[in-house]
Structures are given as C-alpha cells and as structure tokens.
Amino acid sequence: MSDTRLDGFLNGRLRITQPARGYRAGADAVMLAAACPAMAGQAVLELGCGAGTAILCLGWRVPGLTLTGLERQADYADLARANAASNGIALTVLTGDLANPPPALRAAPFDHVLMNPPFFLGGTPAPDPGRAGARREDTPLSLWIDAGLRRLRPGGWLVAIQR
C-alpha cells in the first residue's frame, strides 16, 4: 500500500500508518481498546485488526500482553505489522478469514477477543476495496460472535463495537 498517512492516537503517543484513502481507524478503535479489561500476562486477539489501531492502543495501555491480530486483507495486515514494529509493541498478525482461521489460531485460547465487525449490510460496495471490506457486512455478525467465542478461554471477555 503506497498511499498512506501517519495518524496520532492517544494524544499522539501511538503513531499509526494507515491508508490515505479508504478505511481508516478512528475513535471506535480507541474505545474498543479502552473497553477491554486486559491485564499484563494475558493473551488478546483482535478479529479484523485492520492496520492494528485498536490492539496497539490496548498494547500501549497495558504492557506485557501477548497480542495477536487476524486480518483478511493482506495490505492491512502488513500495515499492522509495521505499526507494531514502529511503536515498539509485540504483535503477531495472521492473514486469514475468521470463517476459516489459520491453523496457528485454531488451537490458541485467548483471555480477551476484540472485534469491530463491519456495520453496513451487504449491497453496493464502496469504491475503495479497503473501505468496502472493512465496512460492508459480507460475513454475518453471528459468525463474528461465534468465531470470537471459540477463541476464548473459559471466563474470557468478548469485547465488541457494533453500530
């Protein structure tokens, strides 16, 4: 992805490179991270992590977490990896679909699962493929919830934002 911009989150303490056009993270990602009651030593997964904004906000707030992101769009997964490295936060990003998660994710239990599923019903997609994939619901919300619950340890937290 060549046309990007650098945005500040958490009063500029976290710097995130994201597309100059198309889907970009905003306040929802910060609120999602703030709603997660994770503590150092716990494992956190974000389904549909995009450029990594939400999970990196959480990683910045709570050092010592084991962070994993799953992202379907390879360009966004690459941005998430680069954003983690540039902010000094350890994050494993897997490229794949939550309907058929990569083998490395299937056996891993997590204390917390974050998600901000697309919130527009399927139909006419946005002209930008990144925005269309991030905001248009091709995967039913029930599948997002099921995928998140399957990754949780007993007693774990599923934290979601849905409009």
C-alpha atoms as a PDB file:
ATOM      1  CA  MET A   1       0.000   0.000   0.000  1.00  0.00           C
ATOM      2  CA  SER A   2       1.801   3.088  -1.214  1.00  0.00           C
ATOM      3  CA  ASP A   3      -0.587   5.967  -0.467  1.00  0.00           C
ATOM      4  CA  THR A   4      -0.586   6.204   3.331  1.00  0.00           C
ATOM      5  CA  ARG A   5      -0.625   8.796   6.067  1.00  0.00           C
ATOM      6  CA  LEU A   6       0.632   8.819   9.636  1.00  0.00           C
ATOM      7  CA  ASP A   7      -2.013   9.497  12.301  1.00  0.00           C
ATOM      8  CA  GLY A   8      -1.621  10.007  16.024  1.00  0.00           C
ATOM      9  CA  PHE A   9      -3.754   8.218  18.615  1.00  0.00           C
ATOM     10  CA  LEU A  10      -3.745   8.525  22.409  1.00  0.00           C
ATOM     11  CA  ASN A  11      -2.709  12.189  22.182  1.00  0.00           C
ATOM     12  CA  GLY A  12      -0.012  11.323  19.649  1.00  0.00           C
ATOM     13  CA  ARG A  13       1.700   8.718  21.834  1.00  0.00           C
ATOM     14  CA  LEU A  14       0.775   5.972  19.356  1.00  0.00           C
ATOM     15  CA  ARG A  15       1.551   6.626  15.681  1.00  0.00           C
ATOM     16  CA  ILE A  16      -0.384   4.591  13.128  1.00  0.00           C
ATOM     17  CA  THR A  17       0.265   4.458   9.396  1.00  0.00           C
ATOM     18  CA  GLN A  18      -2.968   3.856   7.531  1.00  0.00           C
ATOM     19  CA  PRO A  19      -4.312   4.378   4.019  1.00  0.00           C
ATOM     20  CA  ALA A  20      -4.659   7.986   2.915  1.00  0.00           C
ATOM     21  CA  ARG A  21      -7.968   6.999   1.290  1.00  0.00           C
ATOM     22  CA  GLY A  22     -10.400   4.236   2.107  1.00  0.00           C
ATOM     23  CA  TYR A  23     -10.951   2.757   5.547  1.00  0.00           C
ATOM     24  CA  ARG A  24      -9.091   4.482   8.394  1.00  0.00           C
ATOM     25  CA  ALA A  25      -9.379   3.805  12.096  1.00  0.00           C
ATOM     26  CA  GLY A  26     -10.783   6.453  14.391  1.00  0.00           C
ATOM     27  CA  ALA A  27     -12.474   6.815  17.763  1.00  0.00           C
ATOM     28  CA  ASP A  28     -14.136   3.370  17.585  1.00  0.00           C
ATOM     29  CA  ALA A  29     -10.728   1.680  17.757  1.00  0.00           C
ATOM     30  CA  VAL A  30      -9.684   3.717  20.793  1.00  0.00           C
ATOM     31  CA  MET A  31     -12.993   2.988  22.572  1.00  0.00           C
ATOM     32  CA  LEU A  32     -12.723  -0.719  21.772  1.00  0.00           C
ATOM     33  CA  ALA A  33      -9.269  -0.860  23.350  1.00  0.00           C
ATOM     34  CA  ALA A  34     -10.422   1.150  26.373  1.00  0.00           C
ATOM     35  CA  ALA A  35     -13.326  -1.255  26.974  1.00  0.00           C
ATOM     36  CA  CYS A  36     -11.053  -4.292  27.270  1.00  0.00           C
ATOM     37  CA  PRO A  37     -10.180  -5.170  30.900  1.00  0.00           C
ATOM     38  CA  ALA A  38      -6.926  -6.950  29.997  1.00  0.00           C
ATOM     39  CA  MET A  39      -4.069  -7.266  32.485  1.00  0.00           C
ATOM     40  CA  ALA A  40      -0.364  -7.910  31.949  1.00  0.00           C
ATOM     41  CA  GLY A  41       0.355 -11.555  31.172  1.00  0.00           C
ATOM     42  CA  GLN A  42      -2.924 -12.167  29.360  1.00  0.00           C
ATOM     43  CA  ALA A  43      -3.461 -13.082  25.701  1.00  0.00           C
ATOM     44  CA  VAL A  44      -5.594 -10.870  23.445  1.00  0.00           C
ATOM     45  CA  LEU A  45      -6.873 -11.492  19.911  1.00  0.00           C
ATOM     46  CA  GLU A  46      -8.401  -8.906  17.604  1.00  0.00           C
ATOM     47  CA  LEU A  47     -10.528 -10.285  14.782  1.00  0.00           C
ATOM     48  CA  GLY A  48     -10.320  -7.993  11.757  1.00  0.00           C
ATOM     49  CA  CYS A  49      -7.444  -5.935  13.138  1.00  0.00           C
ATOM     50  CA  GLY A  50      -7.005  -3.708  10.067  1.00  0.00           C
ATOM     51  CA  ALA A  51      -3.896  -1.542  10.485  1.00  0.00           C
ATOM     52  CA  GLY A  52      -3.722  -2.576  14.149  1.00  0.00           C
ATOM     53  CA  THR A  53      -5.037   0.578  15.796  1.00  0.00           C
ATOM     54  CA  ALA A  54      -7.301  -0.974  18.448  1.00  0.00           C
ATOM     55  CA  ILE A  55      -4.992  -3.772  19.544  1.00  0.00           C
ATOM     56  CA  LEU A  56      -1.981  -1.436  19.567  1.00  0.00           C
ATOM     57  CA  CYS A  57      -3.900   1.108  21.680  1.00  0.00           C
ATOM     58  CA  LEU A  58      -4.527  -1.729  24.126  1.00  0.00           C
ATOM     59  CA  GLY A  59      -0.896  -2.865  23.962  1.00  0.00           C
ATOM     60  CA  TRP A  60       0.266   0.673  24.663  1.00  0.00           C
ATOM     61  CA  ARG A  61      -2.092   0.984  27.671  1.00  0.00           C
ATOM     62  CA  VAL A  62      -1.312  -2.466  29.129  1.00  0.00           C
ATOM     63  CA  PRO A  63       2.312  -3.564  28.638  1.00  0.00           C
ATOM     64  CA  GLY A  64       3.067  -7.278  28.935  1.00  0.00           C
ATOM     65  CA  LEU A  65       0.159  -8.629  26.896  1.00  0.00           C
ATOM     66  CA  THR A  66       0.502 -11.334  24.258  1.00  0.00           C
ATOM     67  CA  LEU A  67      -1.179  -9.688  21.262  1.00  0.00           C
ATOM     68  CA  THR A  68      -2.469 -11.398  18.117  1.00  0.00           C
ATOM     69  CA  GLY A  69      -4.402  -9.904  15.220  1.00  0.00           C
ATOM     70  CA  LEU A  70      -6.281 -11.614  12.410  1.00  0.00           C
ATOM     71  CA  GLU A  71      -6.796  -9.618   9.209  1.00  0.00           C
ATOM     72  CA  ARG A  72      -8.292 -10.783   5.917  1.00  0.00           C
ATOM     73  CA  GLN A  73      -6.748  -8.050   3.725  1.00  0.00           C
ATOM     74  CA  ALA A  74      -3.003  -8.585   3.252  1.00  0.00           C
ATOM     75  CA  ASP A  75      -2.212  -4.865   2.798  1.00  0.00           C
ATOM     76  CA  TYR A  76      -3.815  -4.018   6.133  1.00  0.00           C
ATOM     77  CA  ALA A  77      -2.079  -6.963   7.833  1.00  0.00           C
ATOM     78  CA  ASP A  78       1.255  -5.620   6.556  1.00  0.00           C
ATOM     79  CA  LEU A  79       0.409  -2.171   7.945  1.00  0.00           C
ATOM     80  CA  ALA A  80      -0.466  -3.693  11.329  1.00  0.00           C
ATOM     81  CA  ARG A  81       2.897  -5.474  11.471  1.00  0.00           C
ATOM     82  CA  ALA A  82       4.758  -2.298  10.517  1.00  0.00           C
ATOM     83  CA  ASN A  83       2.768  -0.207  13.007  1.00  0.00           C
ATOM     84  CA  ALA A  84       3.541  -2.633  15.822  1.00  0.00           C
ATOM     85  CA  ALA A  85       7.248  -2.548  14.995  1.00  0.00           C
ATOM     86  CA  SER A  86       7.407   1.244  14.719  1.00  0.00           C
ATOM     87  CA  ASN A  87       5.642   1.652  18.072  1.00  0.00           C
ATOM     88  CA  GLY A  88       7.756  -0.990  19.829  1.00  0.00           C
ATOM     89  CA  ILE A  89       4.782  -3.236  20.634  1.00  0.00           C
ATOM     90  CA  ALA A  90       4.989  -7.010  20.101  1.00  0.00           C
ATOM     91  CA  LEU A  91       2.087  -8.115  17.891  1.00  0.00           C
ATOM     92  CA  THR A  92       1.643 -11.273  15.841  1.00  0.00           C
ATOM     93  CA  VAL A  93      -0.547 -10.628  12.795  1.00  0.00           C
ATOM     94  CA  LEU A  94      -2.033 -13.560  10.910  1.00  0.00           C
ATOM     95  CA  THR A  95      -3.553 -13.112   7.468  1.00  0.00           C
ATOM     96  CA  GLY A  96      -6.753 -15.073   7.034  1.00  0.00           C
ATOM     97  CA  ASP A  97     -10.515 -15.165   7.318  1.00  0.00           C
ATOM     98  CA  LEU A  98     -12.362 -15.614  10.591  1.00  0.00           C
ATOM     99  CA  ALA A  99     -14.726 -18.085   8.888  1.00  0.00           C
ATOM    100  CA  ASN A 100     -11.744 -20.367   8.270  1.00  0.00           C
ATOM    101  CA  PRO A 101      -8.997 -19.259  10.671  1.00  0.00           C
ATOM    102  CA  PRO A 102      -5.365 -20.166  10.053  1.00  0.00           C
ATOM    103  CA  PRO A 103      -4.230 -23.350  11.847  1.00  0.00           C
ATOM    104  CA  ALA A 104      -1.994 -21.318  14.189  1.00  0.00           C
ATOM    105  CA  LEU A 105      -5.086 -19.575  15.530  1.00  0.00           C
ATOM    106  CA  ARG A 106      -7.412 -22.549  15.888  1.00  0.00           C
ATOM    107  CA  ALA A 107      -5.716 -24.083  18.917  1.00  0.00           C
ATOM    108  CA  ALA A 108      -4.776 -20.860  20.688  1.00  0.00           C
ATOM    109  CA  PRO A 109      -7.005 -19.802  23.606  1.00  0.00           C
ATOM    110  CA  PHE A 110      -7.282 -16.102  24.480  1.00  0.00           C
ATOM    111  CA  ASP A 111      -8.314 -14.212  27.596  1.00  0.00           C
ATOM    112  CA  HIS A 112      -9.876 -11.431  25.515  1.00  0.00           C
ATOM    113  CA  VAL A 113     -11.161 -11.183  21.949  1.00  0.00           C
ATOM    114  CA  LEU A 114     -11.743  -7.754  20.402  1.00  0.00           C
ATOM    115  CA  MET A 115     -13.814  -7.042  17.310  1.00  0.00           C
ATOM    116  CA  ASN A 116     -15.294  -4.154  15.387  1.00  0.00           C
ATOM    117  CA  PRO A 117     -17.303  -6.000  12.708  1.00  0.00           C
ATOM    118  CA  PRO A 118     -18.429  -4.243   9.523  1.00  0.00           C
ATOM    119  CA  PHE A 119     -21.645  -2.368  10.155  1.00  0.00           C
ATOM    120  CA  PHE A 120     -23.284  -1.849   6.746  1.00  0.00           C
ATOM    121  CA  LEU A 121     -25.407  -4.620   5.266  1.00  0.00           C
ATOM    122  CA  GLY A 122     -24.140  -6.144   2.032  1.00  0.00           C
ATOM    123  CA  GLY A 123     -25.157  -4.352  -1.133  1.00  0.00           C
ATOM    124  CA  THR A 124     -23.380  -1.819  -3.277  1.00  0.00           C
ATOM    125  CA  PRO A 125     -19.766  -1.806  -2.108  1.00  0.00           C
ATOM    126  CA  ALA A 126     -17.755   1.340  -1.531  1.00  0.00           C
ATOM    127  CA  PRO A 127     -15.484   2.183  -4.492  1.00  0.00           C
ATOM    128  CA  ASP A 128     -12.363   1.717  -2.344  1.00  0.00           C
ATOM    129  CA  PRO A 129     -11.723  -2.016  -1.737  1.00  0.00           C
ATOM    130  CA  GLY A 130     -10.221  -1.402   1.709  1.00  0.00           C
ATOM    131  CA  ARG A 131     -13.230   0.576   2.865  1.00  0.00           C
ATOM    132  CA  ALA A 132     -15.644  -1.911   1.291  1.00  0.00           C
ATOM    133  CA  GLY A 133     -14.003  -4.840   3.084  1.00  0.00           C
ATOM    134  CA  ALA A 134     -13.854  -3.075   6.416  1.00  0.00           C
ATOM    135  CA  ARG A 135     -17.332  -1.564   6.473  1.00  0.00           C
ATOM    136  CA  ARG A 136     -19.619  -3.806   4.392  1.00  0.00           C
ATOM    137  CA  GLU A 137     -21.007  -6.919   6.009  1.00  0.00           C
ATOM    138  CA  ASP A 138     -20.128  -9.956   3.888  1.00  0.00           C
ATOM    139  CA  THR A 139     -19.754 -12.131   6.978  1.00  0.00           C
ATOM    140  CA  PRO A 140     -22.818 -12.221   9.245  1.00  0.00           C
ATOM    141  CA  LEU A 141     -22.434 -10.774  12.734  1.00  0.00           C
ATOM    142  CA  SER A 142     -23.360 -14.182  14.170  1.00  0.00           C
ATOM    143  CA  LEU A 143     -20.236 -15.662  12.555  1.00  0.00           C
ATOM    144  CA  TRP A 144     -18.058 -12.917  14.075  1.00  0.00           C
ATOM    145  CA  ILE A 145     -19.525 -13.638  17.528  1.00  0.00           C
ATOM    146  CA  ASP A 146     -19.141 -17.403  17.092  1.00  0.00           C
ATOM    147  CA  ALA A 147     -15.522 -17.054  15.922  1.00  0.00           C
ATOM    148  CA  GLY A 148     -14.730 -14.829  18.899  1.00  0.00           C
ATOM    149  CA  LEU A 149     -16.359 -17.142  21.432  1.00  0.00           C
ATOM    150  CA  ARG A 150     -14.489 -20.152  20.025  1.00  0.00           C
ATOM    151  CA  ARG A 151     -11.155 -18.420  20.644  1.00  0.00           C
ATOM    152  CA  LEU A 152     -11.891 -17.511  24.278  1.00  0.00           C
ATOM    153  CA  ARG A 153     -10.693 -19.324  27.364  1.00  0.00           C
ATOM    154  CA  PRO A 154     -13.443 -20.146  29.875  1.00  0.00           C
ATOM    155  CA  GLY A 155     -14.240 -16.916  31.712  1.00  0.00           C
ATOM    156  CA  GLY A 156     -12.731 -14.797  28.924  1.00  0.00           C
ATOM    157  CA  TRP A 157     -14.096 -11.495  27.636  1.00  0.00           C
ATOM    158  CA  LEU A 158     -15.536 -10.790  24.197  1.00  0.00           C
ATOM    159  CA  VAL A 159     -15.340  -7.024  23.587  1.00  0.00           C
ATOM    160  CA  ALA A 160     -17.094  -5.611  20.520  1.00  0.00           C
ATOM    161  CA  ILE A 161     -18.304  -2.381  18.988  1.00  0.00           C
ATOM    162  CA  GLN A 162     -21.280  -2.663  16.660  1.00  0.00           C
ATOM    163  CA  ARG A 163     -23.377   0.177  15.276  1.00  0.00           C
END
